[in-house]
Amino acid sequence: GGTLVMLGAGSFLLNMVGMEFILLSWVDMWGPLPGIGIRLGAIAL
């Protein structure tokens, strides 16, 4: 759970500056809004 929170929050913050974790690069495949939803869902989970 802690790993998911760290990856989700880190991905959210990195996305704001135009970067991304390689592990979560697929998140924006469906667009920016679903990508944000997936990141927030990972944090919540």
All heavy atoms as atom14 arrays in JSON, in Angstrom:
{
  "sequence": "GGTLVMLGAGSFLLNMVGMEFILLSWVDMWGPLPGIGIRLGAIAL",
  "atom14_mask": [
    [1, 1, 1, 1, 0, 0, 0, 0, 0, 0, 0, 0, 0, 0],
    [1, 1, 1, 1, 0, 0, 0, 0, 0, 0, 0, 0, 0, 0],
    [1, 1, 1, 1, 1, 1, 1, 0, 0, 0, 0, 0, 0, 0],
    [1, 1, 1, 1, 1, 1, 1, 1, 0, 0, 0, 0, 0, 0],
    [1, 1, 1, 1, 1, 1, 1, 0, 0, 0, 0, 0, 0, 0],
    [1, 1, 1, 1, 1, 1, 1, 1, 0, 0, 0, 0, 0, 0],
    [1, 1, 1, 1, 1, 1, 1, 1, 0, 0, 0, 0, 0, 0],
    [1, 1, 1, 1, 0, 0, 0, 0, 0, 0, 0, 0, 0, 0],
    [1, 1, 1, 1, 1, 0, 0, 0, 0, 0, 0, 0, 0, 0],
    [1, 1, 1, 1, 0, 0, 0, 0, 0, 0, 0, 0, 0, 0],
    [1, 1, 1, 1, 1, 1, 0, 0, 0, 0, 0, 0, 0, 0],
    [1, 1, 1, 1, 1, 1, 1, 1, 1, 1, 1, 0, 0, 0],
    [1, 1, 1, 1, 1, 1, 1, 1, 0, 0, 0, 0, 0, 0],
    [1, 1, 1, 1, 1, 1, 1, 1, 0, 0, 0, 0, 0, 0],
    [1, 1, 1, 1, 1, 1, 1, 1, 0, 0, 0, 0, 0, 0],
    [1, 1, 1, 1, 1, 1, 1, 1, 0, 0, 0, 0, 0, 0],
    [1, 1, 1, 1, 1, 1, 1, 0, 0, 0, 0, 0, 0, 0],
    [1, 1, 1, 1, 0, 0, 0, 0, 0, 0, 0, 0, 0, 0],
    [1, 1, 1, 1, 1, 1, 1, 1, 0, 0, 0, 0, 0, 0],
    [1, 1, 1, 1, 1, 1, 1, 1, 1, 0, 0, 0, 0, 0],
    [1, 1, 1, 1, 1, 1, 1, 1, 1, 1, 1, 0, 0, 0],
    [1, 1, 1, 1, 1, 1, 1, 1, 0, 0, 0, 0, 0, 0],
    [1, 1, 1, 1, 1, 1, 1, 1, 0, 0, 0, 0, 0, 0],
    [1, 1, 1, 1, 1, 1, 1, 1, 0, 0, 0, 0, 0, 0],
    [1, 1, 1, 1, 1, 1, 0, 0, 0, 0, 0, 0, 0, 0],
    [1, 1, 1, 1, 1, 1, 1, 1, 1, 1, 1, 1, 1, 1],
    [1, 1, 1, 1, 1, 1, 1, 0, 0, 0, 0, 0, 0, 0],
    [1, 1, 1, 1, 1, 1, 1, 1, 0, 0, 0, 0, 0, 0],
    [1, 1, 1, 1, 1, 1, 1, 1, 0, 0, 0, 0, 0, 0],
    [1, 1, 1, 1, 1, 1, 1, 1, 1, 1, 1, 1, 1, 1],
    [1, 1, 1, 1, 0, 0, 0, 0, 0, 0, 0, 0, 0, 0],
    [1, 1, 1, 1, 1, 1, 1, 0, 0, 0, 0, 0, 0, 0],
    [1, 1, 1, 1, 1, 1, 1, 1, 0, 0, 0, 0, 0, 0],
    [1, 1, 1, 1, 1, 1, 1, 0, 0, 0, 0, 0, 0, 0],
    [1, 1, 1, 1, 0, 0, 0, 0, 0, 0, 0, 0, 0, 0],
    [1, 1, 1, 1, 1, 1, 1, 1, 0, 0, 0, 0, 0, 0],
    [1, 1, 1, 1, 0, 0, 0, 0, 0, 0, 0, 0, 0, 0],
    [1, 1, 1, 1, 1, 1, 1, 1, 0, 0, 0, 0, 0, 0],
    [1, 1, 1, 1, 1, 1, 1, 1, 1, 1, 1, 0, 0, 0],
    [1, 1, 1, 1, 1, 1, 1, 1, 0, 0, 0, 0, 0, 0],
    [1, 1, 1, 1, 0, 0, 0, 0, 0, 0, 0, 0, 0, 0],
    [1, 1, 1, 1, 1, 0, 0, 0, 0, 0, 0, 0, 0, 0],
    [1, 1, 1, 1, 1, 1, 1, 1, 0, 0, 0, 0, 0, 0],
    [1, 1, 1, 1, 1, 0, 0, 0, 0, 0, 0, 0, 0, 0],
    [1, 1, 1, 1, 1, 1, 1, 1, 0, 0, 0, 0, 0, 0]
  ],
  "atom14_positions": [
    [[0.82, -1.21, 0.0], [0.0, 0.0, 0.0], [0.85, 1.25, 0.0], [0.58, 2.21, -0.72], [0.0, 0.0, 0.0], [0.0, 0.0, 0.0], [0.0, 0.0, 0.0], [0.0, 0.0, 0.0], [0.0, 0.0, 0.0], [0.0, 0.0, 0.0], [0.0, 0.0, 0.0], [0.0, 0.0, 0.0], [0.0, 0.0, 0.0], [0.0, 0.0, 0.0]],
    [[1.91, 1.25, 0.82], [2.82, 2.4, 0.85], [3.52, 2.61, -0.48], [3.72, 3.74, -0.92], [0.0, 0.0, 0.0], [0.0, 0.0, 0.0], [0.0, 0.0, 0.0], [0.0, 0.0, 0.0], [0.0, 0.0, 0.0], [0.0, 0.0, 0.0], [0.0, 0.0, 0.0], [0.0, 0.0, 0.0], [0.0, 0.0, 0.0], [0.0, 0.0, 0.0]],
    [[3.87, 1.5, -1.13], [4.5, 1.59, -2.45], [3.54, 2.2, -3.47], [3.93, 3.05, -4.27], [4.95, 0.2, -2.92], [5.85, -0.34, -1.96], [5.63, 0.27, -4.27], [0.0, 0.0, 0.0], [0.0, 0.0, 0.0], [0.0, 0.0, 0.0], [0.0, 0.0, 0.0], [0.0, 0.0, 0.0], [0.0, 0.0, 0.0], [0.0, 0.0, 0.0]],
    [[2.28, 1.78, -3.42], [1.28, 2.35, -4.33], [1.09, 3.84, -4.09], [0.97, 4.63, -5.04], [-0.06, 1.63, -4.18], [-0.28, 0.41, -5.02], [-1.61, -0.26, -4.65], [-0.25, 0.73, -6.49], [0.0, 0.0, 0.0], [0.0, 0.0, 0.0], [0.0, 0.0, 0.0], [0.0, 0.0, 0.0], [0.0, 0.0, 0.0], [0.0, 0.0, 0.0]],
    [[1.04, 4.24, -2.83], [0.88, 5.66, -2.5], [2.08, 6.45, -3.03], [1.91, 7.5, -3.66], [0.72, 5.86, -0.98], [0.81, 7.33, -0.62], [-0.61, 5.29, -0.51], [0.0, 0.0, 0.0], [0.0, 0.0, 0.0], [0.0, 0.0, 0.0], [0.0, 0.0, 0.0], [0.0, 0.0, 0.0], [0.0, 0.0, 0.0], [0.0, 0.0, 0.0]],
    [[3.28, 5.94, -2.81], [4.48, 6.64, -3.27], [4.54, 6.73, -4.79], [4.86, 7.78, -5.35], [5.74, 5.95, -2.73], [5.89, 6.05, -1.23], [6.01, 7.74, -0.64], [7.6, 8.18, -1.27], [0.0, 0.0, 0.0], [0.0, 0.0, 0.0], [0.0, 0.0, 0.0], [0.0, 0.0, 0.0], [0.0, 0.0, 0.0], [0.0, 0.0, 0.0]],
    [[4.22, 5.64, -5.47], [4.23, 5.66, -6.94], [3.15, 6.59, -7.49], [3.39, 7.34, -8.44], [4.04, 4.26, -7.51], [5.26, 3.35, -7.48], [4.88, 1.94, -7.93], [6.36, 3.9, -8.35], [0.0, 0.0, 0.0], [0.0, 0.0, 0.0], [0.0, 0.0, 0.0], [0.0, 0.0, 0.0], [0.0, 0.0, 0.0], [0.0, 0.0, 0.0]],
    [[1.96, 6.52, -6.92], [0.87, 7.37, -7.38], [1.16, 8.84, -7.16], [0.98, 9.67, -8.05], [0.0, 0.0, 0.0], [0.0, 0.0, 0.0], [0.0, 0.0, 0.0], [0.0, 0.0, 0.0], [0.0, 0.0, 0.0], [0.0, 0.0, 0.0], [0.0, 0.0, 0.0], [0.0, 0.0, 0.0], [0.0, 0.0, 0.0], [0.0, 0.0, 0.0]],
    [[1.6, 9.18, -5.95], [1.9, 10.58, -5.64], [3.09, 11.08, -6.43], [3.08, 12.2, -6.96], [2.15, 10.74, -4.14], [0.0, 0.0, 0.0], [0.0, 0.0, 0.0], [0.0, 0.0, 0.0], [0.0, 0.0, 0.0], [0.0, 0.0, 0.0], [0.0, 0.0, 0.0], [0.0, 0.0, 0.0], [0.0, 0.0, 0.0], [0.0, 0.0, 0.0]],
    [[4.12, 10.25, -6.54], [5.29, 10.64, -7.32], [4.96, 10.84, -8.79], [5.4, 11.79, -9.42], [0.0, 0.0, 0.0], [0.0, 0.0, 0.0], [0.0, 0.0, 0.0], [0.0, 0.0, 0.0], [0.0, 0.0, 0.0], [0.0, 0.0, 0.0], [0.0, 0.0, 0.0], [0.0, 0.0, 0.0], [0.0, 0.0, 0.0], [0.0, 0.0, 0.0]],
    [[4.14, 9.94, -9.33], [3.73, 10.06, -10.73], [2.89, 11.32, -10.94], [3.04, 12.01, -11.94], [2.93, 8.82, -11.13], [2.44, 8.94, -12.44], [0.0, 0.0, 0.0], [0.0, 0.0, 0.0], [0.0, 0.0, 0.0], [0.0, 0.0, 0.0], [0.0, 0.0, 0.0], [0.0, 0.0, 0.0], [0.0, 0.0, 0.0], [0.0, 0.0, 0.0]],
    [[2.03, 11.61, -9.98], [1.19, 12.82, -10.06], [2.05, 14.08, -10.08], [1.86, 14.96, -10.91], [0.21, 12.83, -8.88], [-0.84, 13.87, -8.97], [-1.97, 13.66, -9.75], [-0.73, 15.06, -8.28], [-2.96, 14.63, -9.84], [-1.71, 16.03, -8.36], [-2.83, 15.82, -9.15], [0.0, 0.0, 0.0], [0.0, 0.0, 0.0], [0.0, 0.0, 0.0]],
    [[3.03, 14.14, -9.18], [3.9, 15.31, -9.11], [4.82, 15.41, -10.31], [5.02, 16.5, -10.85], [4.71, 15.28, -7.81], [3.9, 15.43, -6.52], [4.8, 15.2, -5.31], [3.23, 16.79, -6.46], [0.0, 0.0, 0.0], [0.0, 0.0, 0.0], [0.0, 0.0, 0.0], [0.0, 0.0, 0.0], [0.0, 0.0, 0.0], [0.0, 0.0, 0.0]],
    [[5.38, 14.29, -10.73], [6.27, 14.32, -11.9], [5.52, 14.72, -13.17], [6.06, 15.42, -14.02], [6.93, 12.96, -12.1], [8.08, 12.63, -11.16], [8.55, 11.2, -11.39], [9.24, 13.59, -11.37], [0.0, 0.0, 0.0], [0.0, 0.0, 0.0], [0.0, 0.0, 0.0], [0.0, 0.0, 0.0], [0.0, 0.0, 0.0], [0.0, 0.0, 0.0]],
    [[4.26, 14.28, -13.28], [3.47, 14.62, -14.46], [3.26, 16.12, -14.55], [3.17, 16.67, -15.65], [2.13, 13.89, -14.42], [1.38, 14.01, -15.71], [1.03, 15.09, -16.13], [1.15, 12.89, -16.34], [0.0, 0.0, 0.0], [0.0, 0.0, 0.0], [0.0, 0.0, 0.0], [0.0, 0.0, 0.0], [0.0, 0.0, 0.0], [0.0, 0.0, 0.0]],
    [[3.18, 16.79, -13.42], [2.98, 18.25, -13.42], [4.17, 18.99, -14.01], [4.0, 20.11, -14.51], [2.73, 18.75, -12.0], [1.41, 18.32, -11.44], [1.23, 18.98, -9.79], [-0.54, 19.0, -9.65], [0.0, 0.0, 0.0], [0.0, 0.0, 0.0], [0.0, 0.0, 0.0], [0.0, 0.0, 0.0], [0.0, 0.0, 0.0], [0.0, 0.0, 0.0]],
    [[5.36, 18.39, -13.96], [6.55, 19.03, -14.52], [6.99, 18.4, -15.84], [8.08, 18.65, -16.32], [7.72, 19.05, -13.51], [7.39, 19.89, -12.3], [8.12, 17.65, -13.1], [0.0, 0.0, 0.0], [0.0, 0.0, 0.0], [0.0, 0.0, 0.0], [0.0, 0.0, 0.0], [0.0, 0.0, 0.0], [0.0, 0.0, 0.0], [0.0, 0.0, 0.0]],
    [[6.11, 17.55, -16.41], [6.39, 16.99, -17.73], [7.26, 15.75, -17.73], [7.87, 15.43, -18.76], [0.0, 0.0, 0.0], [0.0, 0.0, 0.0], [0.0, 0.0, 0.0], [0.0, 0.0, 0.0], [0.0, 0.0, 0.0], [0.0, 0.0, 0.0], [0.0, 0.0, 0.0], [0.0, 0.0, 0.0], [0.0, 0.0, 0.0], [0.0, 0.0, 0.0]],
    [[7.35, 15.06, -16.6], [8.16, 13.84, -16.52], [7.25, 12.7, -16.09], [6.09, 12.9, -15.79], [9.3, 14.04, -15.52], [10.23, 15.17, -15.88], [11.41, 15.51, -14.6], [12.58, 14.23, -14.92], [0.0, 0.0, 0.0], [0.0, 0.0, 0.0], [0.0, 0.0, 0.0], [0.0, 0.0, 0.0], [0.0, 0.0, 0.0], [0.0, 0.0, 0.0]],
    [[7.82, 11.47, -16.06], [7.01, 10.3, -15.69], [7.91, 9.15, -15.29], [9.01, 9.02, -15.79], [6.13, 9.88, -16.87], [5.12, 8.81, -16.56], [4.15, 9.21, -15.48], [3.32, 10.09, -15.73], [4.23, 8.66, -14.38], [0.0, 0.0, 0.0], [0.0, 0.0, 0.0], [0.0, 0.0, 0.0], [0.0, 0.0, 0.0], [0.0, 0.0, 0.0]],
    [[7.41, 8.32, -14.35], [8.07, 7.07, -14.04], [7.9, 6.14, -15.24], [6.81, 6.08, -15.82], [7.44, 6.38, -12.82], [7.71, 7.06, -11.51], [6.68, 7.36, -10.64], [9.01, 7.36, -11.12], [6.92, 7.95, -9.42], [9.26, 7.95, -9.9], [8.21, 8.26, -9.05], [0.0, 0.0, 0.0], [0.0, 0.0, 0.0], [0.0, 0.0, 0.0]],
    [[8.92, 5.4, -15.61], [8.81, 4.47, -16.73], [7.75, 3.42, -16.43], [6.98, 3.02, -17.31], [10.18, 3.82, -17.03], [11.14, 4.87, -17.57], [10.03, 2.67, -18.01], [12.55, 4.36, -17.76], [0.0, 0.0, 0.0], [0.0, 0.0, 0.0], [0.0, 0.0, 0.0], [0.0, 0.0, 0.0], [0.0, 0.0, 0.0], [0.0, 0.0, 0.0]],
    [[7.69, 2.98, -15.18], [6.73, 1.97, -14.77], [5.28, 2.4, -15.0], [4.42, 1.58, -15.31], [6.94, 1.64, -13.28], [6.06, 0.57, -12.67], [6.34, -0.78, -13.34], [6.31, 0.47, -11.19], [0.0, 0.0, 0.0], [0.0, 0.0, 0.0], [0.0, 0.0, 0.0], [0.0, 0.0, 0.0], [0.0, 0.0, 0.0], [0.0, 0.0, 0.0]],
    [[5.0, 3.69, -14.89], [3.63, 4.2, -15.03], [3.44, 5.04, -16.29], [2.52, 5.84, -16.37], [3.25, 5.03, -13.8], [3.18, 4.24, -12.49], [2.92, 5.18, -11.33], [2.1, 3.18, -12.56], [0.0, 0.0, 0.0], [0.0, 0.0, 0.0], [0.0, 0.0, 0.0], [0.0, 0.0, 0.0], [0.0, 0.0, 0.0], [0.0, 0.0, 0.0]],
    [[4.28, 4.84, -17.29], [4.15, 5.65, -18.51], [2.89, 5.32, -19.3], [2.42, 6.14, -20.08], [5.39, 5.47, -19.38], [5.52, 4.12, -19.78], [0.0, 0.0, 0.0], [0.0, 0.0, 0.0], [0.0, 0.0, 0.0], [0.0, 0.0, 0.0], [0.0, 0.0, 0.0], [0.0, 0.0, 0.0], [0.0, 0.0, 0.0], [0.0, 0.0, 0.0]],
    [[2.31, 4.14, -19.08], [1.09, 3.74, -19.79], [-0.14, 4.49, -19.31], [-1.18, 4.5, -19.98], [0.86, 2.24, -19.62], [0.69, 1.85, -18.17], [1.67, 1.48, -17.32], [-0.53, 1.82, -17.44], [1.14, 1.22, -16.08], [-0.21, 1.42, -16.12], [-1.86, 2.08, -17.76], [-1.18, 1.28, -15.13], [-2.82, 1.95, -16.76], [-2.48, 1.55, -15.47]],
    [[-0.05, 5.16, -18.18], [-1.22, 5.79, -17.56], [-1.84, 6.86, -18.47], [-3.06, 6.99, -18.52], [-0.82, 6.38, -16.18], [-1.91, 7.24, -15.62], [-0.5, 5.26, -15.21], [0.0, 0.0, 0.0], [0.0, 0.0, 0.0], [0.0, 0.0, 0.0], [0.0, 0.0, 0.0], [0.0, 0.0, 0.0], [0.0, 0.0, 0.0], [0.0, 0.0, 0.0]],
    [[-1.04, 7.6, -19.19], [-1.56, 8.68, -20.03], [-1.98, 8.21, -21.42], [-2.29, 9.03, -22.28], [-0.53, 9.79, -20.14], [-0.42, 10.58, -18.86], [-1.45, 10.81, -18.22], [0.7, 10.97, -18.51], [0.0, 0.0, 0.0], [0.0, 0.0, 0.0], [0.0, 0.0, 0.0], [0.0, 0.0, 0.0], [0.0, 0.0, 0.0], [0.0, 0.0, 0.0]],
    [[-2.02, 6.9, -21.63], [-2.4, 6.37, -22.94], [-3.84, 6.76, -23.3], [-4.16, 6.96, -24.47], [-2.26, 4.84, -22.94], [-2.54, 4.18, -24.27], [-2.09, 2.43, -24.3], [-2.85, 1.79, -22.84], [0.0, 0.0, 0.0], [0.0, 0.0, 0.0], [0.0, 0.0, 0.0], [0.0, 0.0, 0.0], [0.0, 0.0, 0.0], [0.0, 0.0, 0.0]],
    [[-4.71, 6.9, -22.33], [-6.12, 7.22, -22.58], [-6.4, 8.71, -22.47], [-7.54, 9.12, -22.55], [-7.01, 6.45, -21.62], [-6.92, 4.99, -21.84], [-7.44, 4.29, -22.89], [-6.27, 4.04, -21.03], [-7.13, 2.97, -22.76], [-6.41, 2.78, -21.63], [-5.56, 4.13, -19.84], [-5.88, 1.62, -21.08], [-5.03, 2.99, -19.3], [-5.2, 1.75, -19.92]],
    [[-5.39, 9.51, -22.23], [-5.58, 10.95, -22.14], [-5.21, 11.47, -20.76], [-5.01, 10.7, -19.83], [0.0, 0.0, 0.0], [0.0, 0.0, 0.0], [0.0, 0.0, 0.0], [0.0, 0.0, 0.0], [0.0, 0.0, 0.0], [0.0, 0.0, 0.0], [0.0, 0.0, 0.0], [0.0, 0.0, 0.0], [0.0, 0.0, 0.0], [0.0, 0.0, 0.0]],
    [[-5.17, 12.78, -20.61], [-4.72, 13.36, -19.34], [-5.71, 13.16, -18.19], [-5.31, 12.88, -17.06], [-4.53, 14.83, -19.65], [-5.25, 15.09, -20.92], [-5.35, 13.79, -21.65], [0.0, 0.0, 0.0], [0.0, 0.0, 0.0], [0.0, 0.0, 0.0], [0.0, 0.0, 0.0], [0.0, 0.0, 0.0], [0.0, 0.0, 0.0], [0.0, 0.0, 0.0]],
    [[-7.0, 13.3, -18.43], [-7.98, 13.18, -17.34], [-8.07, 11.75, -16.8], [-8.02, 11.56, -15.57], [-9.35, 13.69, -17.79], [-10.38, 13.9, -16.69], [-9.84, 14.86, -15.64], [-11.67, 14.42, -17.27], [0.0, 0.0, 0.0], [0.0, 0.0, 0.0], [0.0, 0.0, 0.0], [0.0, 0.0, 0.0], [0.0, 0.0, 0.0], [0.0, 0.0, 0.0]],
    [[-8.19, 10.73, -17.66], [-8.15, 9.36, -17.1], [-6.81, 9.04, -16.43], [-6.77, 8.29, -15.45], [-8.35, 8.47, -18.32], [-9.08, 9.32, -19.3], [-8.54, 10.7, -19.08], [0.0, 0.0, 0.0], [0.0, 0.0, 0.0], [0.0, 0.0, 0.0], [0.0, 0.0, 0.0], [0.0, 0.0, 0.0], [0.0, 0.0, 0.0], [0.0, 0.0, 0.0]],
    [[-5.72, 9.62, -16.91], [-4.42, 9.42, -16.28], [-4.4, 9.95, -14.85], [-3.88, 9.31, -13.95], [0.0, 0.0, 0.0], [0.0, 0.0, 0.0], [0.0, 0.0, 0.0], [0.0, 0.0, 0.0], [0.0, 0.0, 0.0], [0.0, 0.0, 0.0], [0.0, 0.0, 0.0], [0.0, 0.0, 0.0], [0.0, 0.0, 0.0], [0.0, 0.0, 0.0]],
    [[-5.0, 11.12, -14.66], [-5.09, 11.68, -13.32], [-5.97, 10.78, -12.44], [-5.65, 10.53, -11.28], [-5.65, 13.12, -13.36], [-4.62, 14.05, -14.01], [-6.03, 13.61, -11.97], [-5.15, 15.44, -14.3], [0.0, 0.0, 0.0], [0.0, 0.0, 0.0], [0.0, 0.0, 0.0], [0.0, 0.0, 0.0], [0.0, 0.0, 0.0], [0.0, 0.0, 0.0]],
    [[-7.05, 10.27, -13.01], [-7.93, 9.38, -12.26], [-7.22, 8.1, -11.83], [-7.4, 7.62, -10.71], [0.0, 0.0, 0.0], [0.0, 0.0, 0.0], [0.0, 0.0, 0.0], [0.0, 0.0, 0.0], [0.0, 0.0, 0.0], [0.0, 0.0, 0.0], [0.0, 0.0, 0.0], [0.0, 0.0, 0.0], [0.0, 0.0, 0.0], [0.0, 0.0, 0.0]],
    [[-6.41, 7.54, -12.72], [-5.67, 6.31, -12.4], [-4.65, 6.6, -11.3], [-4.48, 5.81, -10.37], [-5.0, 5.74, -13.65], [-6.07, 5.22, -14.63], [-4.02, 4.62, -13.29], [-5.54, 4.86, -15.99], [0.0, 0.0, 0.0], [0.0, 0.0, 0.0], [0.0, 0.0, 0.0], [0.0, 0.0, 0.0], [0.0, 0.0, 0.0], [0.0, 0.0, 0.0]],
    [[-3.98, 7.74, -11.39], [-3.01, 8.1, -10.35], [-3.69, 8.28, -8.99], [-3.21, 7.78, -7.97], [-2.28, 9.38, -10.73], [-1.3, 9.2, -11.85], [-0.64, 10.54, -12.2], [0.24, 10.36, -13.32], [-0.14, 10.54, -14.59], [-1.37, 10.93, -14.89], [0.73, 10.35, -15.57], [0.0, 0.0, 0.0], [0.0, 0.0, 0.0], [0.0, 0.0, 0.0]],
    [[-4.8, 9.0, -8.98], [-5.52, 9.2, -7.72], [-6.09, 7.89, -7.21], [-6.13, 7.66, -6.0], [-6.63, 10.24, -7.91], [-6.16, 11.66, -8.18], [-7.36, 12.58, -8.43], [-5.3, 12.19, -7.04], [0.0, 0.0, 0.0], [0.0, 0.0, 0.0], [0.0, 0.0, 0.0], [0.0, 0.0, 0.0], [0.0, 0.0, 0.0], [0.0, 0.0, 0.0]],
    [[-6.52, 7.02, -8.12], [-7.01, 5.7, -7.72], [-5.92, 4.86, -7.09], [-6.15, 4.14, -6.11], [0.0, 0.0, 0.0], [0.0, 0.0, 0.0], [0.0, 0.0, 0.0], [0.0, 0.0, 0.0], [0.0, 0.0, 0.0], [0.0, 0.0, 0.0], [0.0, 0.0, 0.0], [0.0, 0.0, 0.0], [0.0, 0.0, 0.0], [0.0, 0.0, 0.0]],
    [[-4.7, 4.94, -7.62], [-3.57, 4.21, -7.04], [-3.26, 4.73, -5.64], [-3.0, 3.93, -4.72], [-2.33, 4.34, -7.94], [0.0, 0.0, 0.0], [0.0, 0.0, 0.0], [0.0, 0.0, 0.0], [0.0, 0.0, 0.0], [0.0, 0.0, 0.0], [0.0, 0.0, 0.0], [0.0, 0.0, 0.0], [0.0, 0.0, 0.0], [0.0, 0.0, 0.0]],
    [[-3.32, 6.04, -5.46], [-3.09, 6.62, -4.14], [-4.18, 6.15, -3.17], [-3.88, 5.72, -2.05], [-3.05, 8.16, -4.21], [-1.83, 8.61, -5.02], [-3.03, 8.77, -2.81], [-1.84, 10.09, -5.38], [0.0, 0.0, 0.0], [0.0, 0.0, 0.0], [0.0, 0.0, 0.0], [0.0, 0.0, 0.0], [0.0, 0.0, 0.0], [0.0, 0.0, 0.0]],
    [[-5.44, 6.21, -3.6], [-6.55, 5.8, -2.73], [-6.46, 4.32, -2.38], [-6.66, 3.93, -1.22], [-7.88, 6.12, -3.4], [0.0, 0.0, 0.0], [0.0, 0.0, 0.0], [0.0, 0.0, 0.0], [0.0, 0.0, 0.0], [0.0, 0.0, 0.0], [0.0, 0.0, 0.0], [0.0, 0.0, 0.0], [0.0, 0.0, 0.0], [0.0, 0.0, 0.0]],
    [[-6.17, 3.48, -3.36], [-6.04, 2.05, -3.11], [-4.89, 1.77, -2.14], [-5.0, 0.94, -1.24], [-5.83, 1.29, -4.42], [-5.65, -0.23, -4.31], [-6.9, -0.86, -3.73], [-5.33, -0.81, -5.66], [0.0, 0.0, 0.0], [0.0, 0.0, 0.0], [0.0, 0.0, 0.0], [0.0, 0.0, 0.0], [0.0, 0.0, 0.0], [0.0, 0.0, 0.0]]
  ]
}
